[in-house]
């Protein structure tokens, strides 16, 4: 299960994507985006977690203009 969370102005929107057993999920970004940058992306950010919960292992947190590589 892969969970992506977009946080903008303190509001979080989560998207859960689940793969079949023994399958993987690949996440790619087709277009550039802009999320207001901050130190360690503490404020507005896109967060990707490996699991269904807010405490699942964090894959990474993204902000600014740089699109992530293949996740």
N, C-alpha and C. Protein backbone atom coordinates (compact mmCIF):
# COMPACT_ATOMS: atom_id res chain seq x y z
N UNK A 1 0.86 -1.18 0.00
CA UNK A 1 0.00 0.00 0.00
C UNK A 1 0.89 1.23 0.00
N UNK A 2 0.60 2.16 -0.85
CA UNK A 2 1.34 3.41 -0.94
C UNK A 2 0.37 4.53 -0.62
N UNK A 3 0.77 5.41 0.28
CA UNK A 3 -0.07 6.54 0.64
C UNK A 3 0.66 7.83 0.28
N UNK A 4 0.01 8.69 -0.47
CA UNK A 4 0.55 10.01 -0.76
C UNK A 4 -0.32 11.03 -0.05
N UNK A 5 0.30 12.00 0.58
CA UNK A 5 -0.42 13.04 1.30
C UNK A 5 0.08 14.39 0.81
N UNK A 6 -0.84 15.22 0.36
CA UNK A 6 -0.50 16.58 -0.07
C UNK A 6 -1.00 17.51 1.03
N UNK A 7 -0.09 18.30 1.59
CA UNK A 7 -0.45 19.25 2.63
C UNK A 7 -0.25 20.66 2.09
N UNK A 8 -1.32 21.44 2.04
CA UNK A 8 -1.26 22.82 1.58
C UNK A 8 -2.05 23.67 2.57
N UNK A 9 -1.39 24.70 3.09
CA UNK A 9 -1.99 25.61 4.05
C UNK A 9 -2.64 24.87 5.22
N UNK A 10 -1.97 23.83 5.68
CA UNK A 10 -2.44 23.08 6.85
C UNK A 10 -3.54 22.08 6.57
N UNK A 11 -3.98 21.95 5.33
CA UNK A 11 -5.03 20.99 4.97
C UNK A 11 -4.38 19.81 4.25
N UNK A 12 -4.65 18.59 4.74
CA UNK A 12 -4.06 17.38 4.17
C UNK A 12 -5.09 16.64 3.32
N UNK A 13 -4.65 16.20 2.15
CA UNK A 13 -5.47 15.37 1.28
C UNK A 13 -4.68 14.10 1.02
N UNK A 14 -5.25 12.95 1.37
CA UNK A 14 -4.54 11.68 1.23
C UNK A 14 -5.11 10.87 0.08
N UNK A 15 -4.23 10.16 -0.60
CA UNK A 15 -4.62 9.23 -1.66
C UNK A 15 -3.96 7.90 -1.36
N UNK A 16 -4.75 6.85 -1.20
CA UNK A 16 -4.21 5.52 -0.93
C UNK A 16 -4.28 4.68 -2.20
N UNK A 17 -3.19 4.01 -2.51
CA UNK A 17 -3.11 3.14 -3.67
C UNK A 17 -2.59 1.80 -3.19
N UNK A 18 -3.30 0.72 -3.53
CA UNK A 18 -2.91 -0.61 -3.05
C UNK A 18 -2.64 -1.52 -4.22
N UNK A 19 -1.55 -2.28 -4.12
CA UNK A 19 -1.19 -3.24 -5.16
C UNK A 19 -1.63 -4.63 -4.71
N UNK A 20 -1.76 -5.51 -5.67
CA UNK A 20 -2.06 -6.92 -5.38
C UNK A 20 -0.86 -7.53 -4.65
N UNK A 21 -1.06 -8.63 -3.94
CA UNK A 21 0.07 -9.28 -3.25
C UNK A 21 1.24 -9.54 -4.20
N UNK A 22 2.44 -9.30 -3.70
CA UNK A 22 3.71 -9.50 -4.42
C UNK A 22 3.84 -8.59 -5.65
N UNK A 23 3.10 -7.49 -5.67
CA UNK A 23 3.21 -6.52 -6.75
C UNK A 23 3.73 -5.21 -6.18
N UNK A 24 4.26 -4.34 -7.05
CA UNK A 24 4.77 -3.05 -6.62
C UNK A 24 3.99 -1.92 -7.27
N UNK A 25 4.10 -0.77 -6.67
CA UNK A 25 3.48 0.44 -7.20
C UNK A 25 4.61 1.37 -7.63
N UNK A 26 4.51 1.91 -8.85
CA UNK A 26 5.45 2.93 -9.31
C UNK A 26 4.71 4.25 -9.40
N UNK A 27 5.30 5.27 -8.85
CA UNK A 27 4.70 6.60 -8.87
C UNK A 27 5.60 7.52 -9.68
N UNK A 28 5.05 8.10 -10.74
CA UNK A 28 5.81 9.03 -11.56
C UNK A 28 5.01 10.33 -11.70
N UNK A 29 5.70 11.42 -11.97
CA UNK A 29 5.08 12.72 -12.15
C UNK A 29 5.31 13.14 -13.60
N UNK A 30 4.22 13.28 -14.36
CA UNK A 30 4.30 13.63 -15.78
C UNK A 30 4.59 15.11 -15.98
N UNK A 31 4.15 15.94 -15.06
CA UNK A 31 4.31 17.38 -15.22
C UNK A 31 4.98 17.96 -13.99
N UNK A 32 5.67 19.07 -14.19
CA UNK A 32 6.28 19.77 -13.06
C UNK A 32 5.19 20.35 -12.18
N UNK A 33 5.48 20.50 -10.94
CA UNK A 33 4.54 21.12 -10.02
C UNK A 33 5.29 22.13 -9.17
N UNK A 34 4.55 22.96 -8.46
CA UNK A 34 5.16 23.92 -7.55
C UNK A 34 4.43 23.83 -6.22
N UNK A 35 5.17 23.46 -5.19
CA UNK A 35 4.68 23.48 -3.82
C UNK A 35 5.62 24.39 -3.06
N UNK A 36 5.08 25.39 -2.40
CA UNK A 36 5.90 26.39 -1.72
C UNK A 36 7.02 25.73 -0.92
N UNK A 37 8.28 26.08 -1.21
CA UNK A 37 9.39 25.46 -0.50
C UNK A 37 9.52 25.96 0.94
N UNK A 38 10.02 25.10 1.80
CA UNK A 38 10.33 25.45 3.18
C UNK A 38 11.42 24.50 3.66
N UNK A 39 12.10 24.87 4.73
CA UNK A 39 13.17 24.04 5.27
C UNK A 39 12.63 22.66 5.60
N UNK A 40 13.26 21.65 5.04
CA UNK A 40 12.86 20.24 5.21
C UNK A 40 11.40 20.00 4.83
N UNK A 41 10.85 20.85 3.99
CA UNK A 41 9.45 20.73 3.53
C UNK A 41 8.50 20.56 4.71
N UNK A 42 8.69 21.37 5.74
CA UNK A 42 7.87 21.24 6.95
C UNK A 42 6.45 21.74 6.78
N UNK A 43 6.20 22.64 5.84
CA UNK A 43 4.88 23.21 5.69
C UNK A 43 4.17 22.56 4.51
N UNK A 44 3.95 23.27 3.42
CA UNK A 44 3.30 22.67 2.26
C UNK A 44 4.23 21.61 1.67
N UNK A 45 3.72 20.41 1.44
CA UNK A 45 4.56 19.34 0.91
C UNK A 45 3.73 18.19 0.38
N UNK A 46 4.38 17.33 -0.38
CA UNK A 46 3.84 16.06 -0.82
C UNK A 46 4.62 15.00 -0.07
N UNK A 47 3.91 14.11 0.61
CA UNK A 47 4.55 13.08 1.44
C UNK A 47 4.16 11.72 0.89
N UNK A 48 5.12 10.81 0.78
CA UNK A 48 4.87 9.46 0.29
C UNK A 48 5.28 8.49 1.39
N UNK A 49 4.34 7.60 1.78
CA UNK A 49 4.59 6.64 2.85
C UNK A 49 4.37 5.22 2.35
N UNK A 50 5.12 4.29 2.92
CA UNK A 50 5.03 2.88 2.58
C UNK A 50 4.10 2.18 3.58
N UNK A 51 2.81 2.36 3.39
CA UNK A 51 1.83 1.76 4.29
C UNK A 51 0.62 2.64 4.44
N UNK A 52 -0.42 2.14 5.12
CA UNK A 52 -1.71 2.82 5.16
C UNK A 52 -1.88 3.90 6.22
N UNK A 53 -0.89 4.10 7.08
CA UNK A 53 -1.07 4.99 8.22
C UNK A 53 -0.13 6.19 8.18
N UNK A 54 -0.48 7.23 8.92
CA UNK A 54 0.36 8.41 9.02
C UNK A 54 1.69 8.12 9.69
N UNK A 55 1.80 7.01 10.41
CA UNK A 55 3.06 6.62 11.04
C UNK A 55 3.79 5.52 10.27
N UNK A 56 3.26 5.14 9.07
CA UNK A 56 3.96 4.17 8.22
C UNK A 56 5.29 4.76 7.79
N UNK A 57 6.27 3.91 7.42
CA UNK A 57 7.59 4.42 7.04
C UNK A 57 7.51 5.49 5.94
N UNK A 58 8.17 6.60 6.18
CA UNK A 58 8.20 7.70 5.23
C UNK A 58 9.19 7.37 4.12
N UNK A 59 8.70 7.40 2.87
CA UNK A 59 9.59 7.22 1.72
C UNK A 59 10.32 8.53 1.47
N UNK A 60 9.56 9.62 1.37
CA UNK A 60 10.17 10.94 1.24
C UNK A 60 9.09 12.01 1.31
N UNK A 61 9.54 13.25 1.44
CA UNK A 61 8.68 14.42 1.49
C UNK A 61 9.22 15.39 0.45
N UNK A 62 8.33 15.97 -0.36
CA UNK A 62 8.75 16.80 -1.47
C UNK A 62 8.08 18.17 -1.40
N UNK A 63 8.81 19.20 -1.83
CA UNK A 63 8.26 20.54 -1.97
C UNK A 63 9.11 21.30 -2.98
N UNK A 64 8.71 22.51 -3.30
CA UNK A 64 9.44 23.30 -4.28
C UNK A 64 9.01 22.96 -5.69
N UNK A 65 9.92 23.13 -6.65
CA UNK A 65 9.59 22.91 -8.06
C UNK A 65 10.13 21.61 -8.61
N UNK A 66 10.98 20.94 -7.87
CA UNK A 66 11.63 19.74 -8.39
C UNK A 66 10.69 18.53 -8.29
N UNK A 67 10.37 17.94 -9.43
CA UNK A 67 9.55 16.73 -9.44
C UNK A 67 10.38 15.55 -8.96
N UNK A 68 9.80 14.68 -8.17
CA UNK A 68 10.55 13.51 -7.71
C UNK A 68 10.89 12.58 -8.88
N UNK A 69 11.96 11.83 -8.69
CA UNK A 69 12.28 10.78 -9.65
C UNK A 69 11.26 9.65 -9.47
N UNK A 70 11.40 8.59 -10.20
CA UNK A 70 10.52 7.44 -10.07
C UNK A 70 10.52 6.94 -8.63
N UNK A 71 9.34 6.77 -8.09
CA UNK A 71 9.22 6.28 -6.71
C UNK A 71 8.65 4.88 -6.79
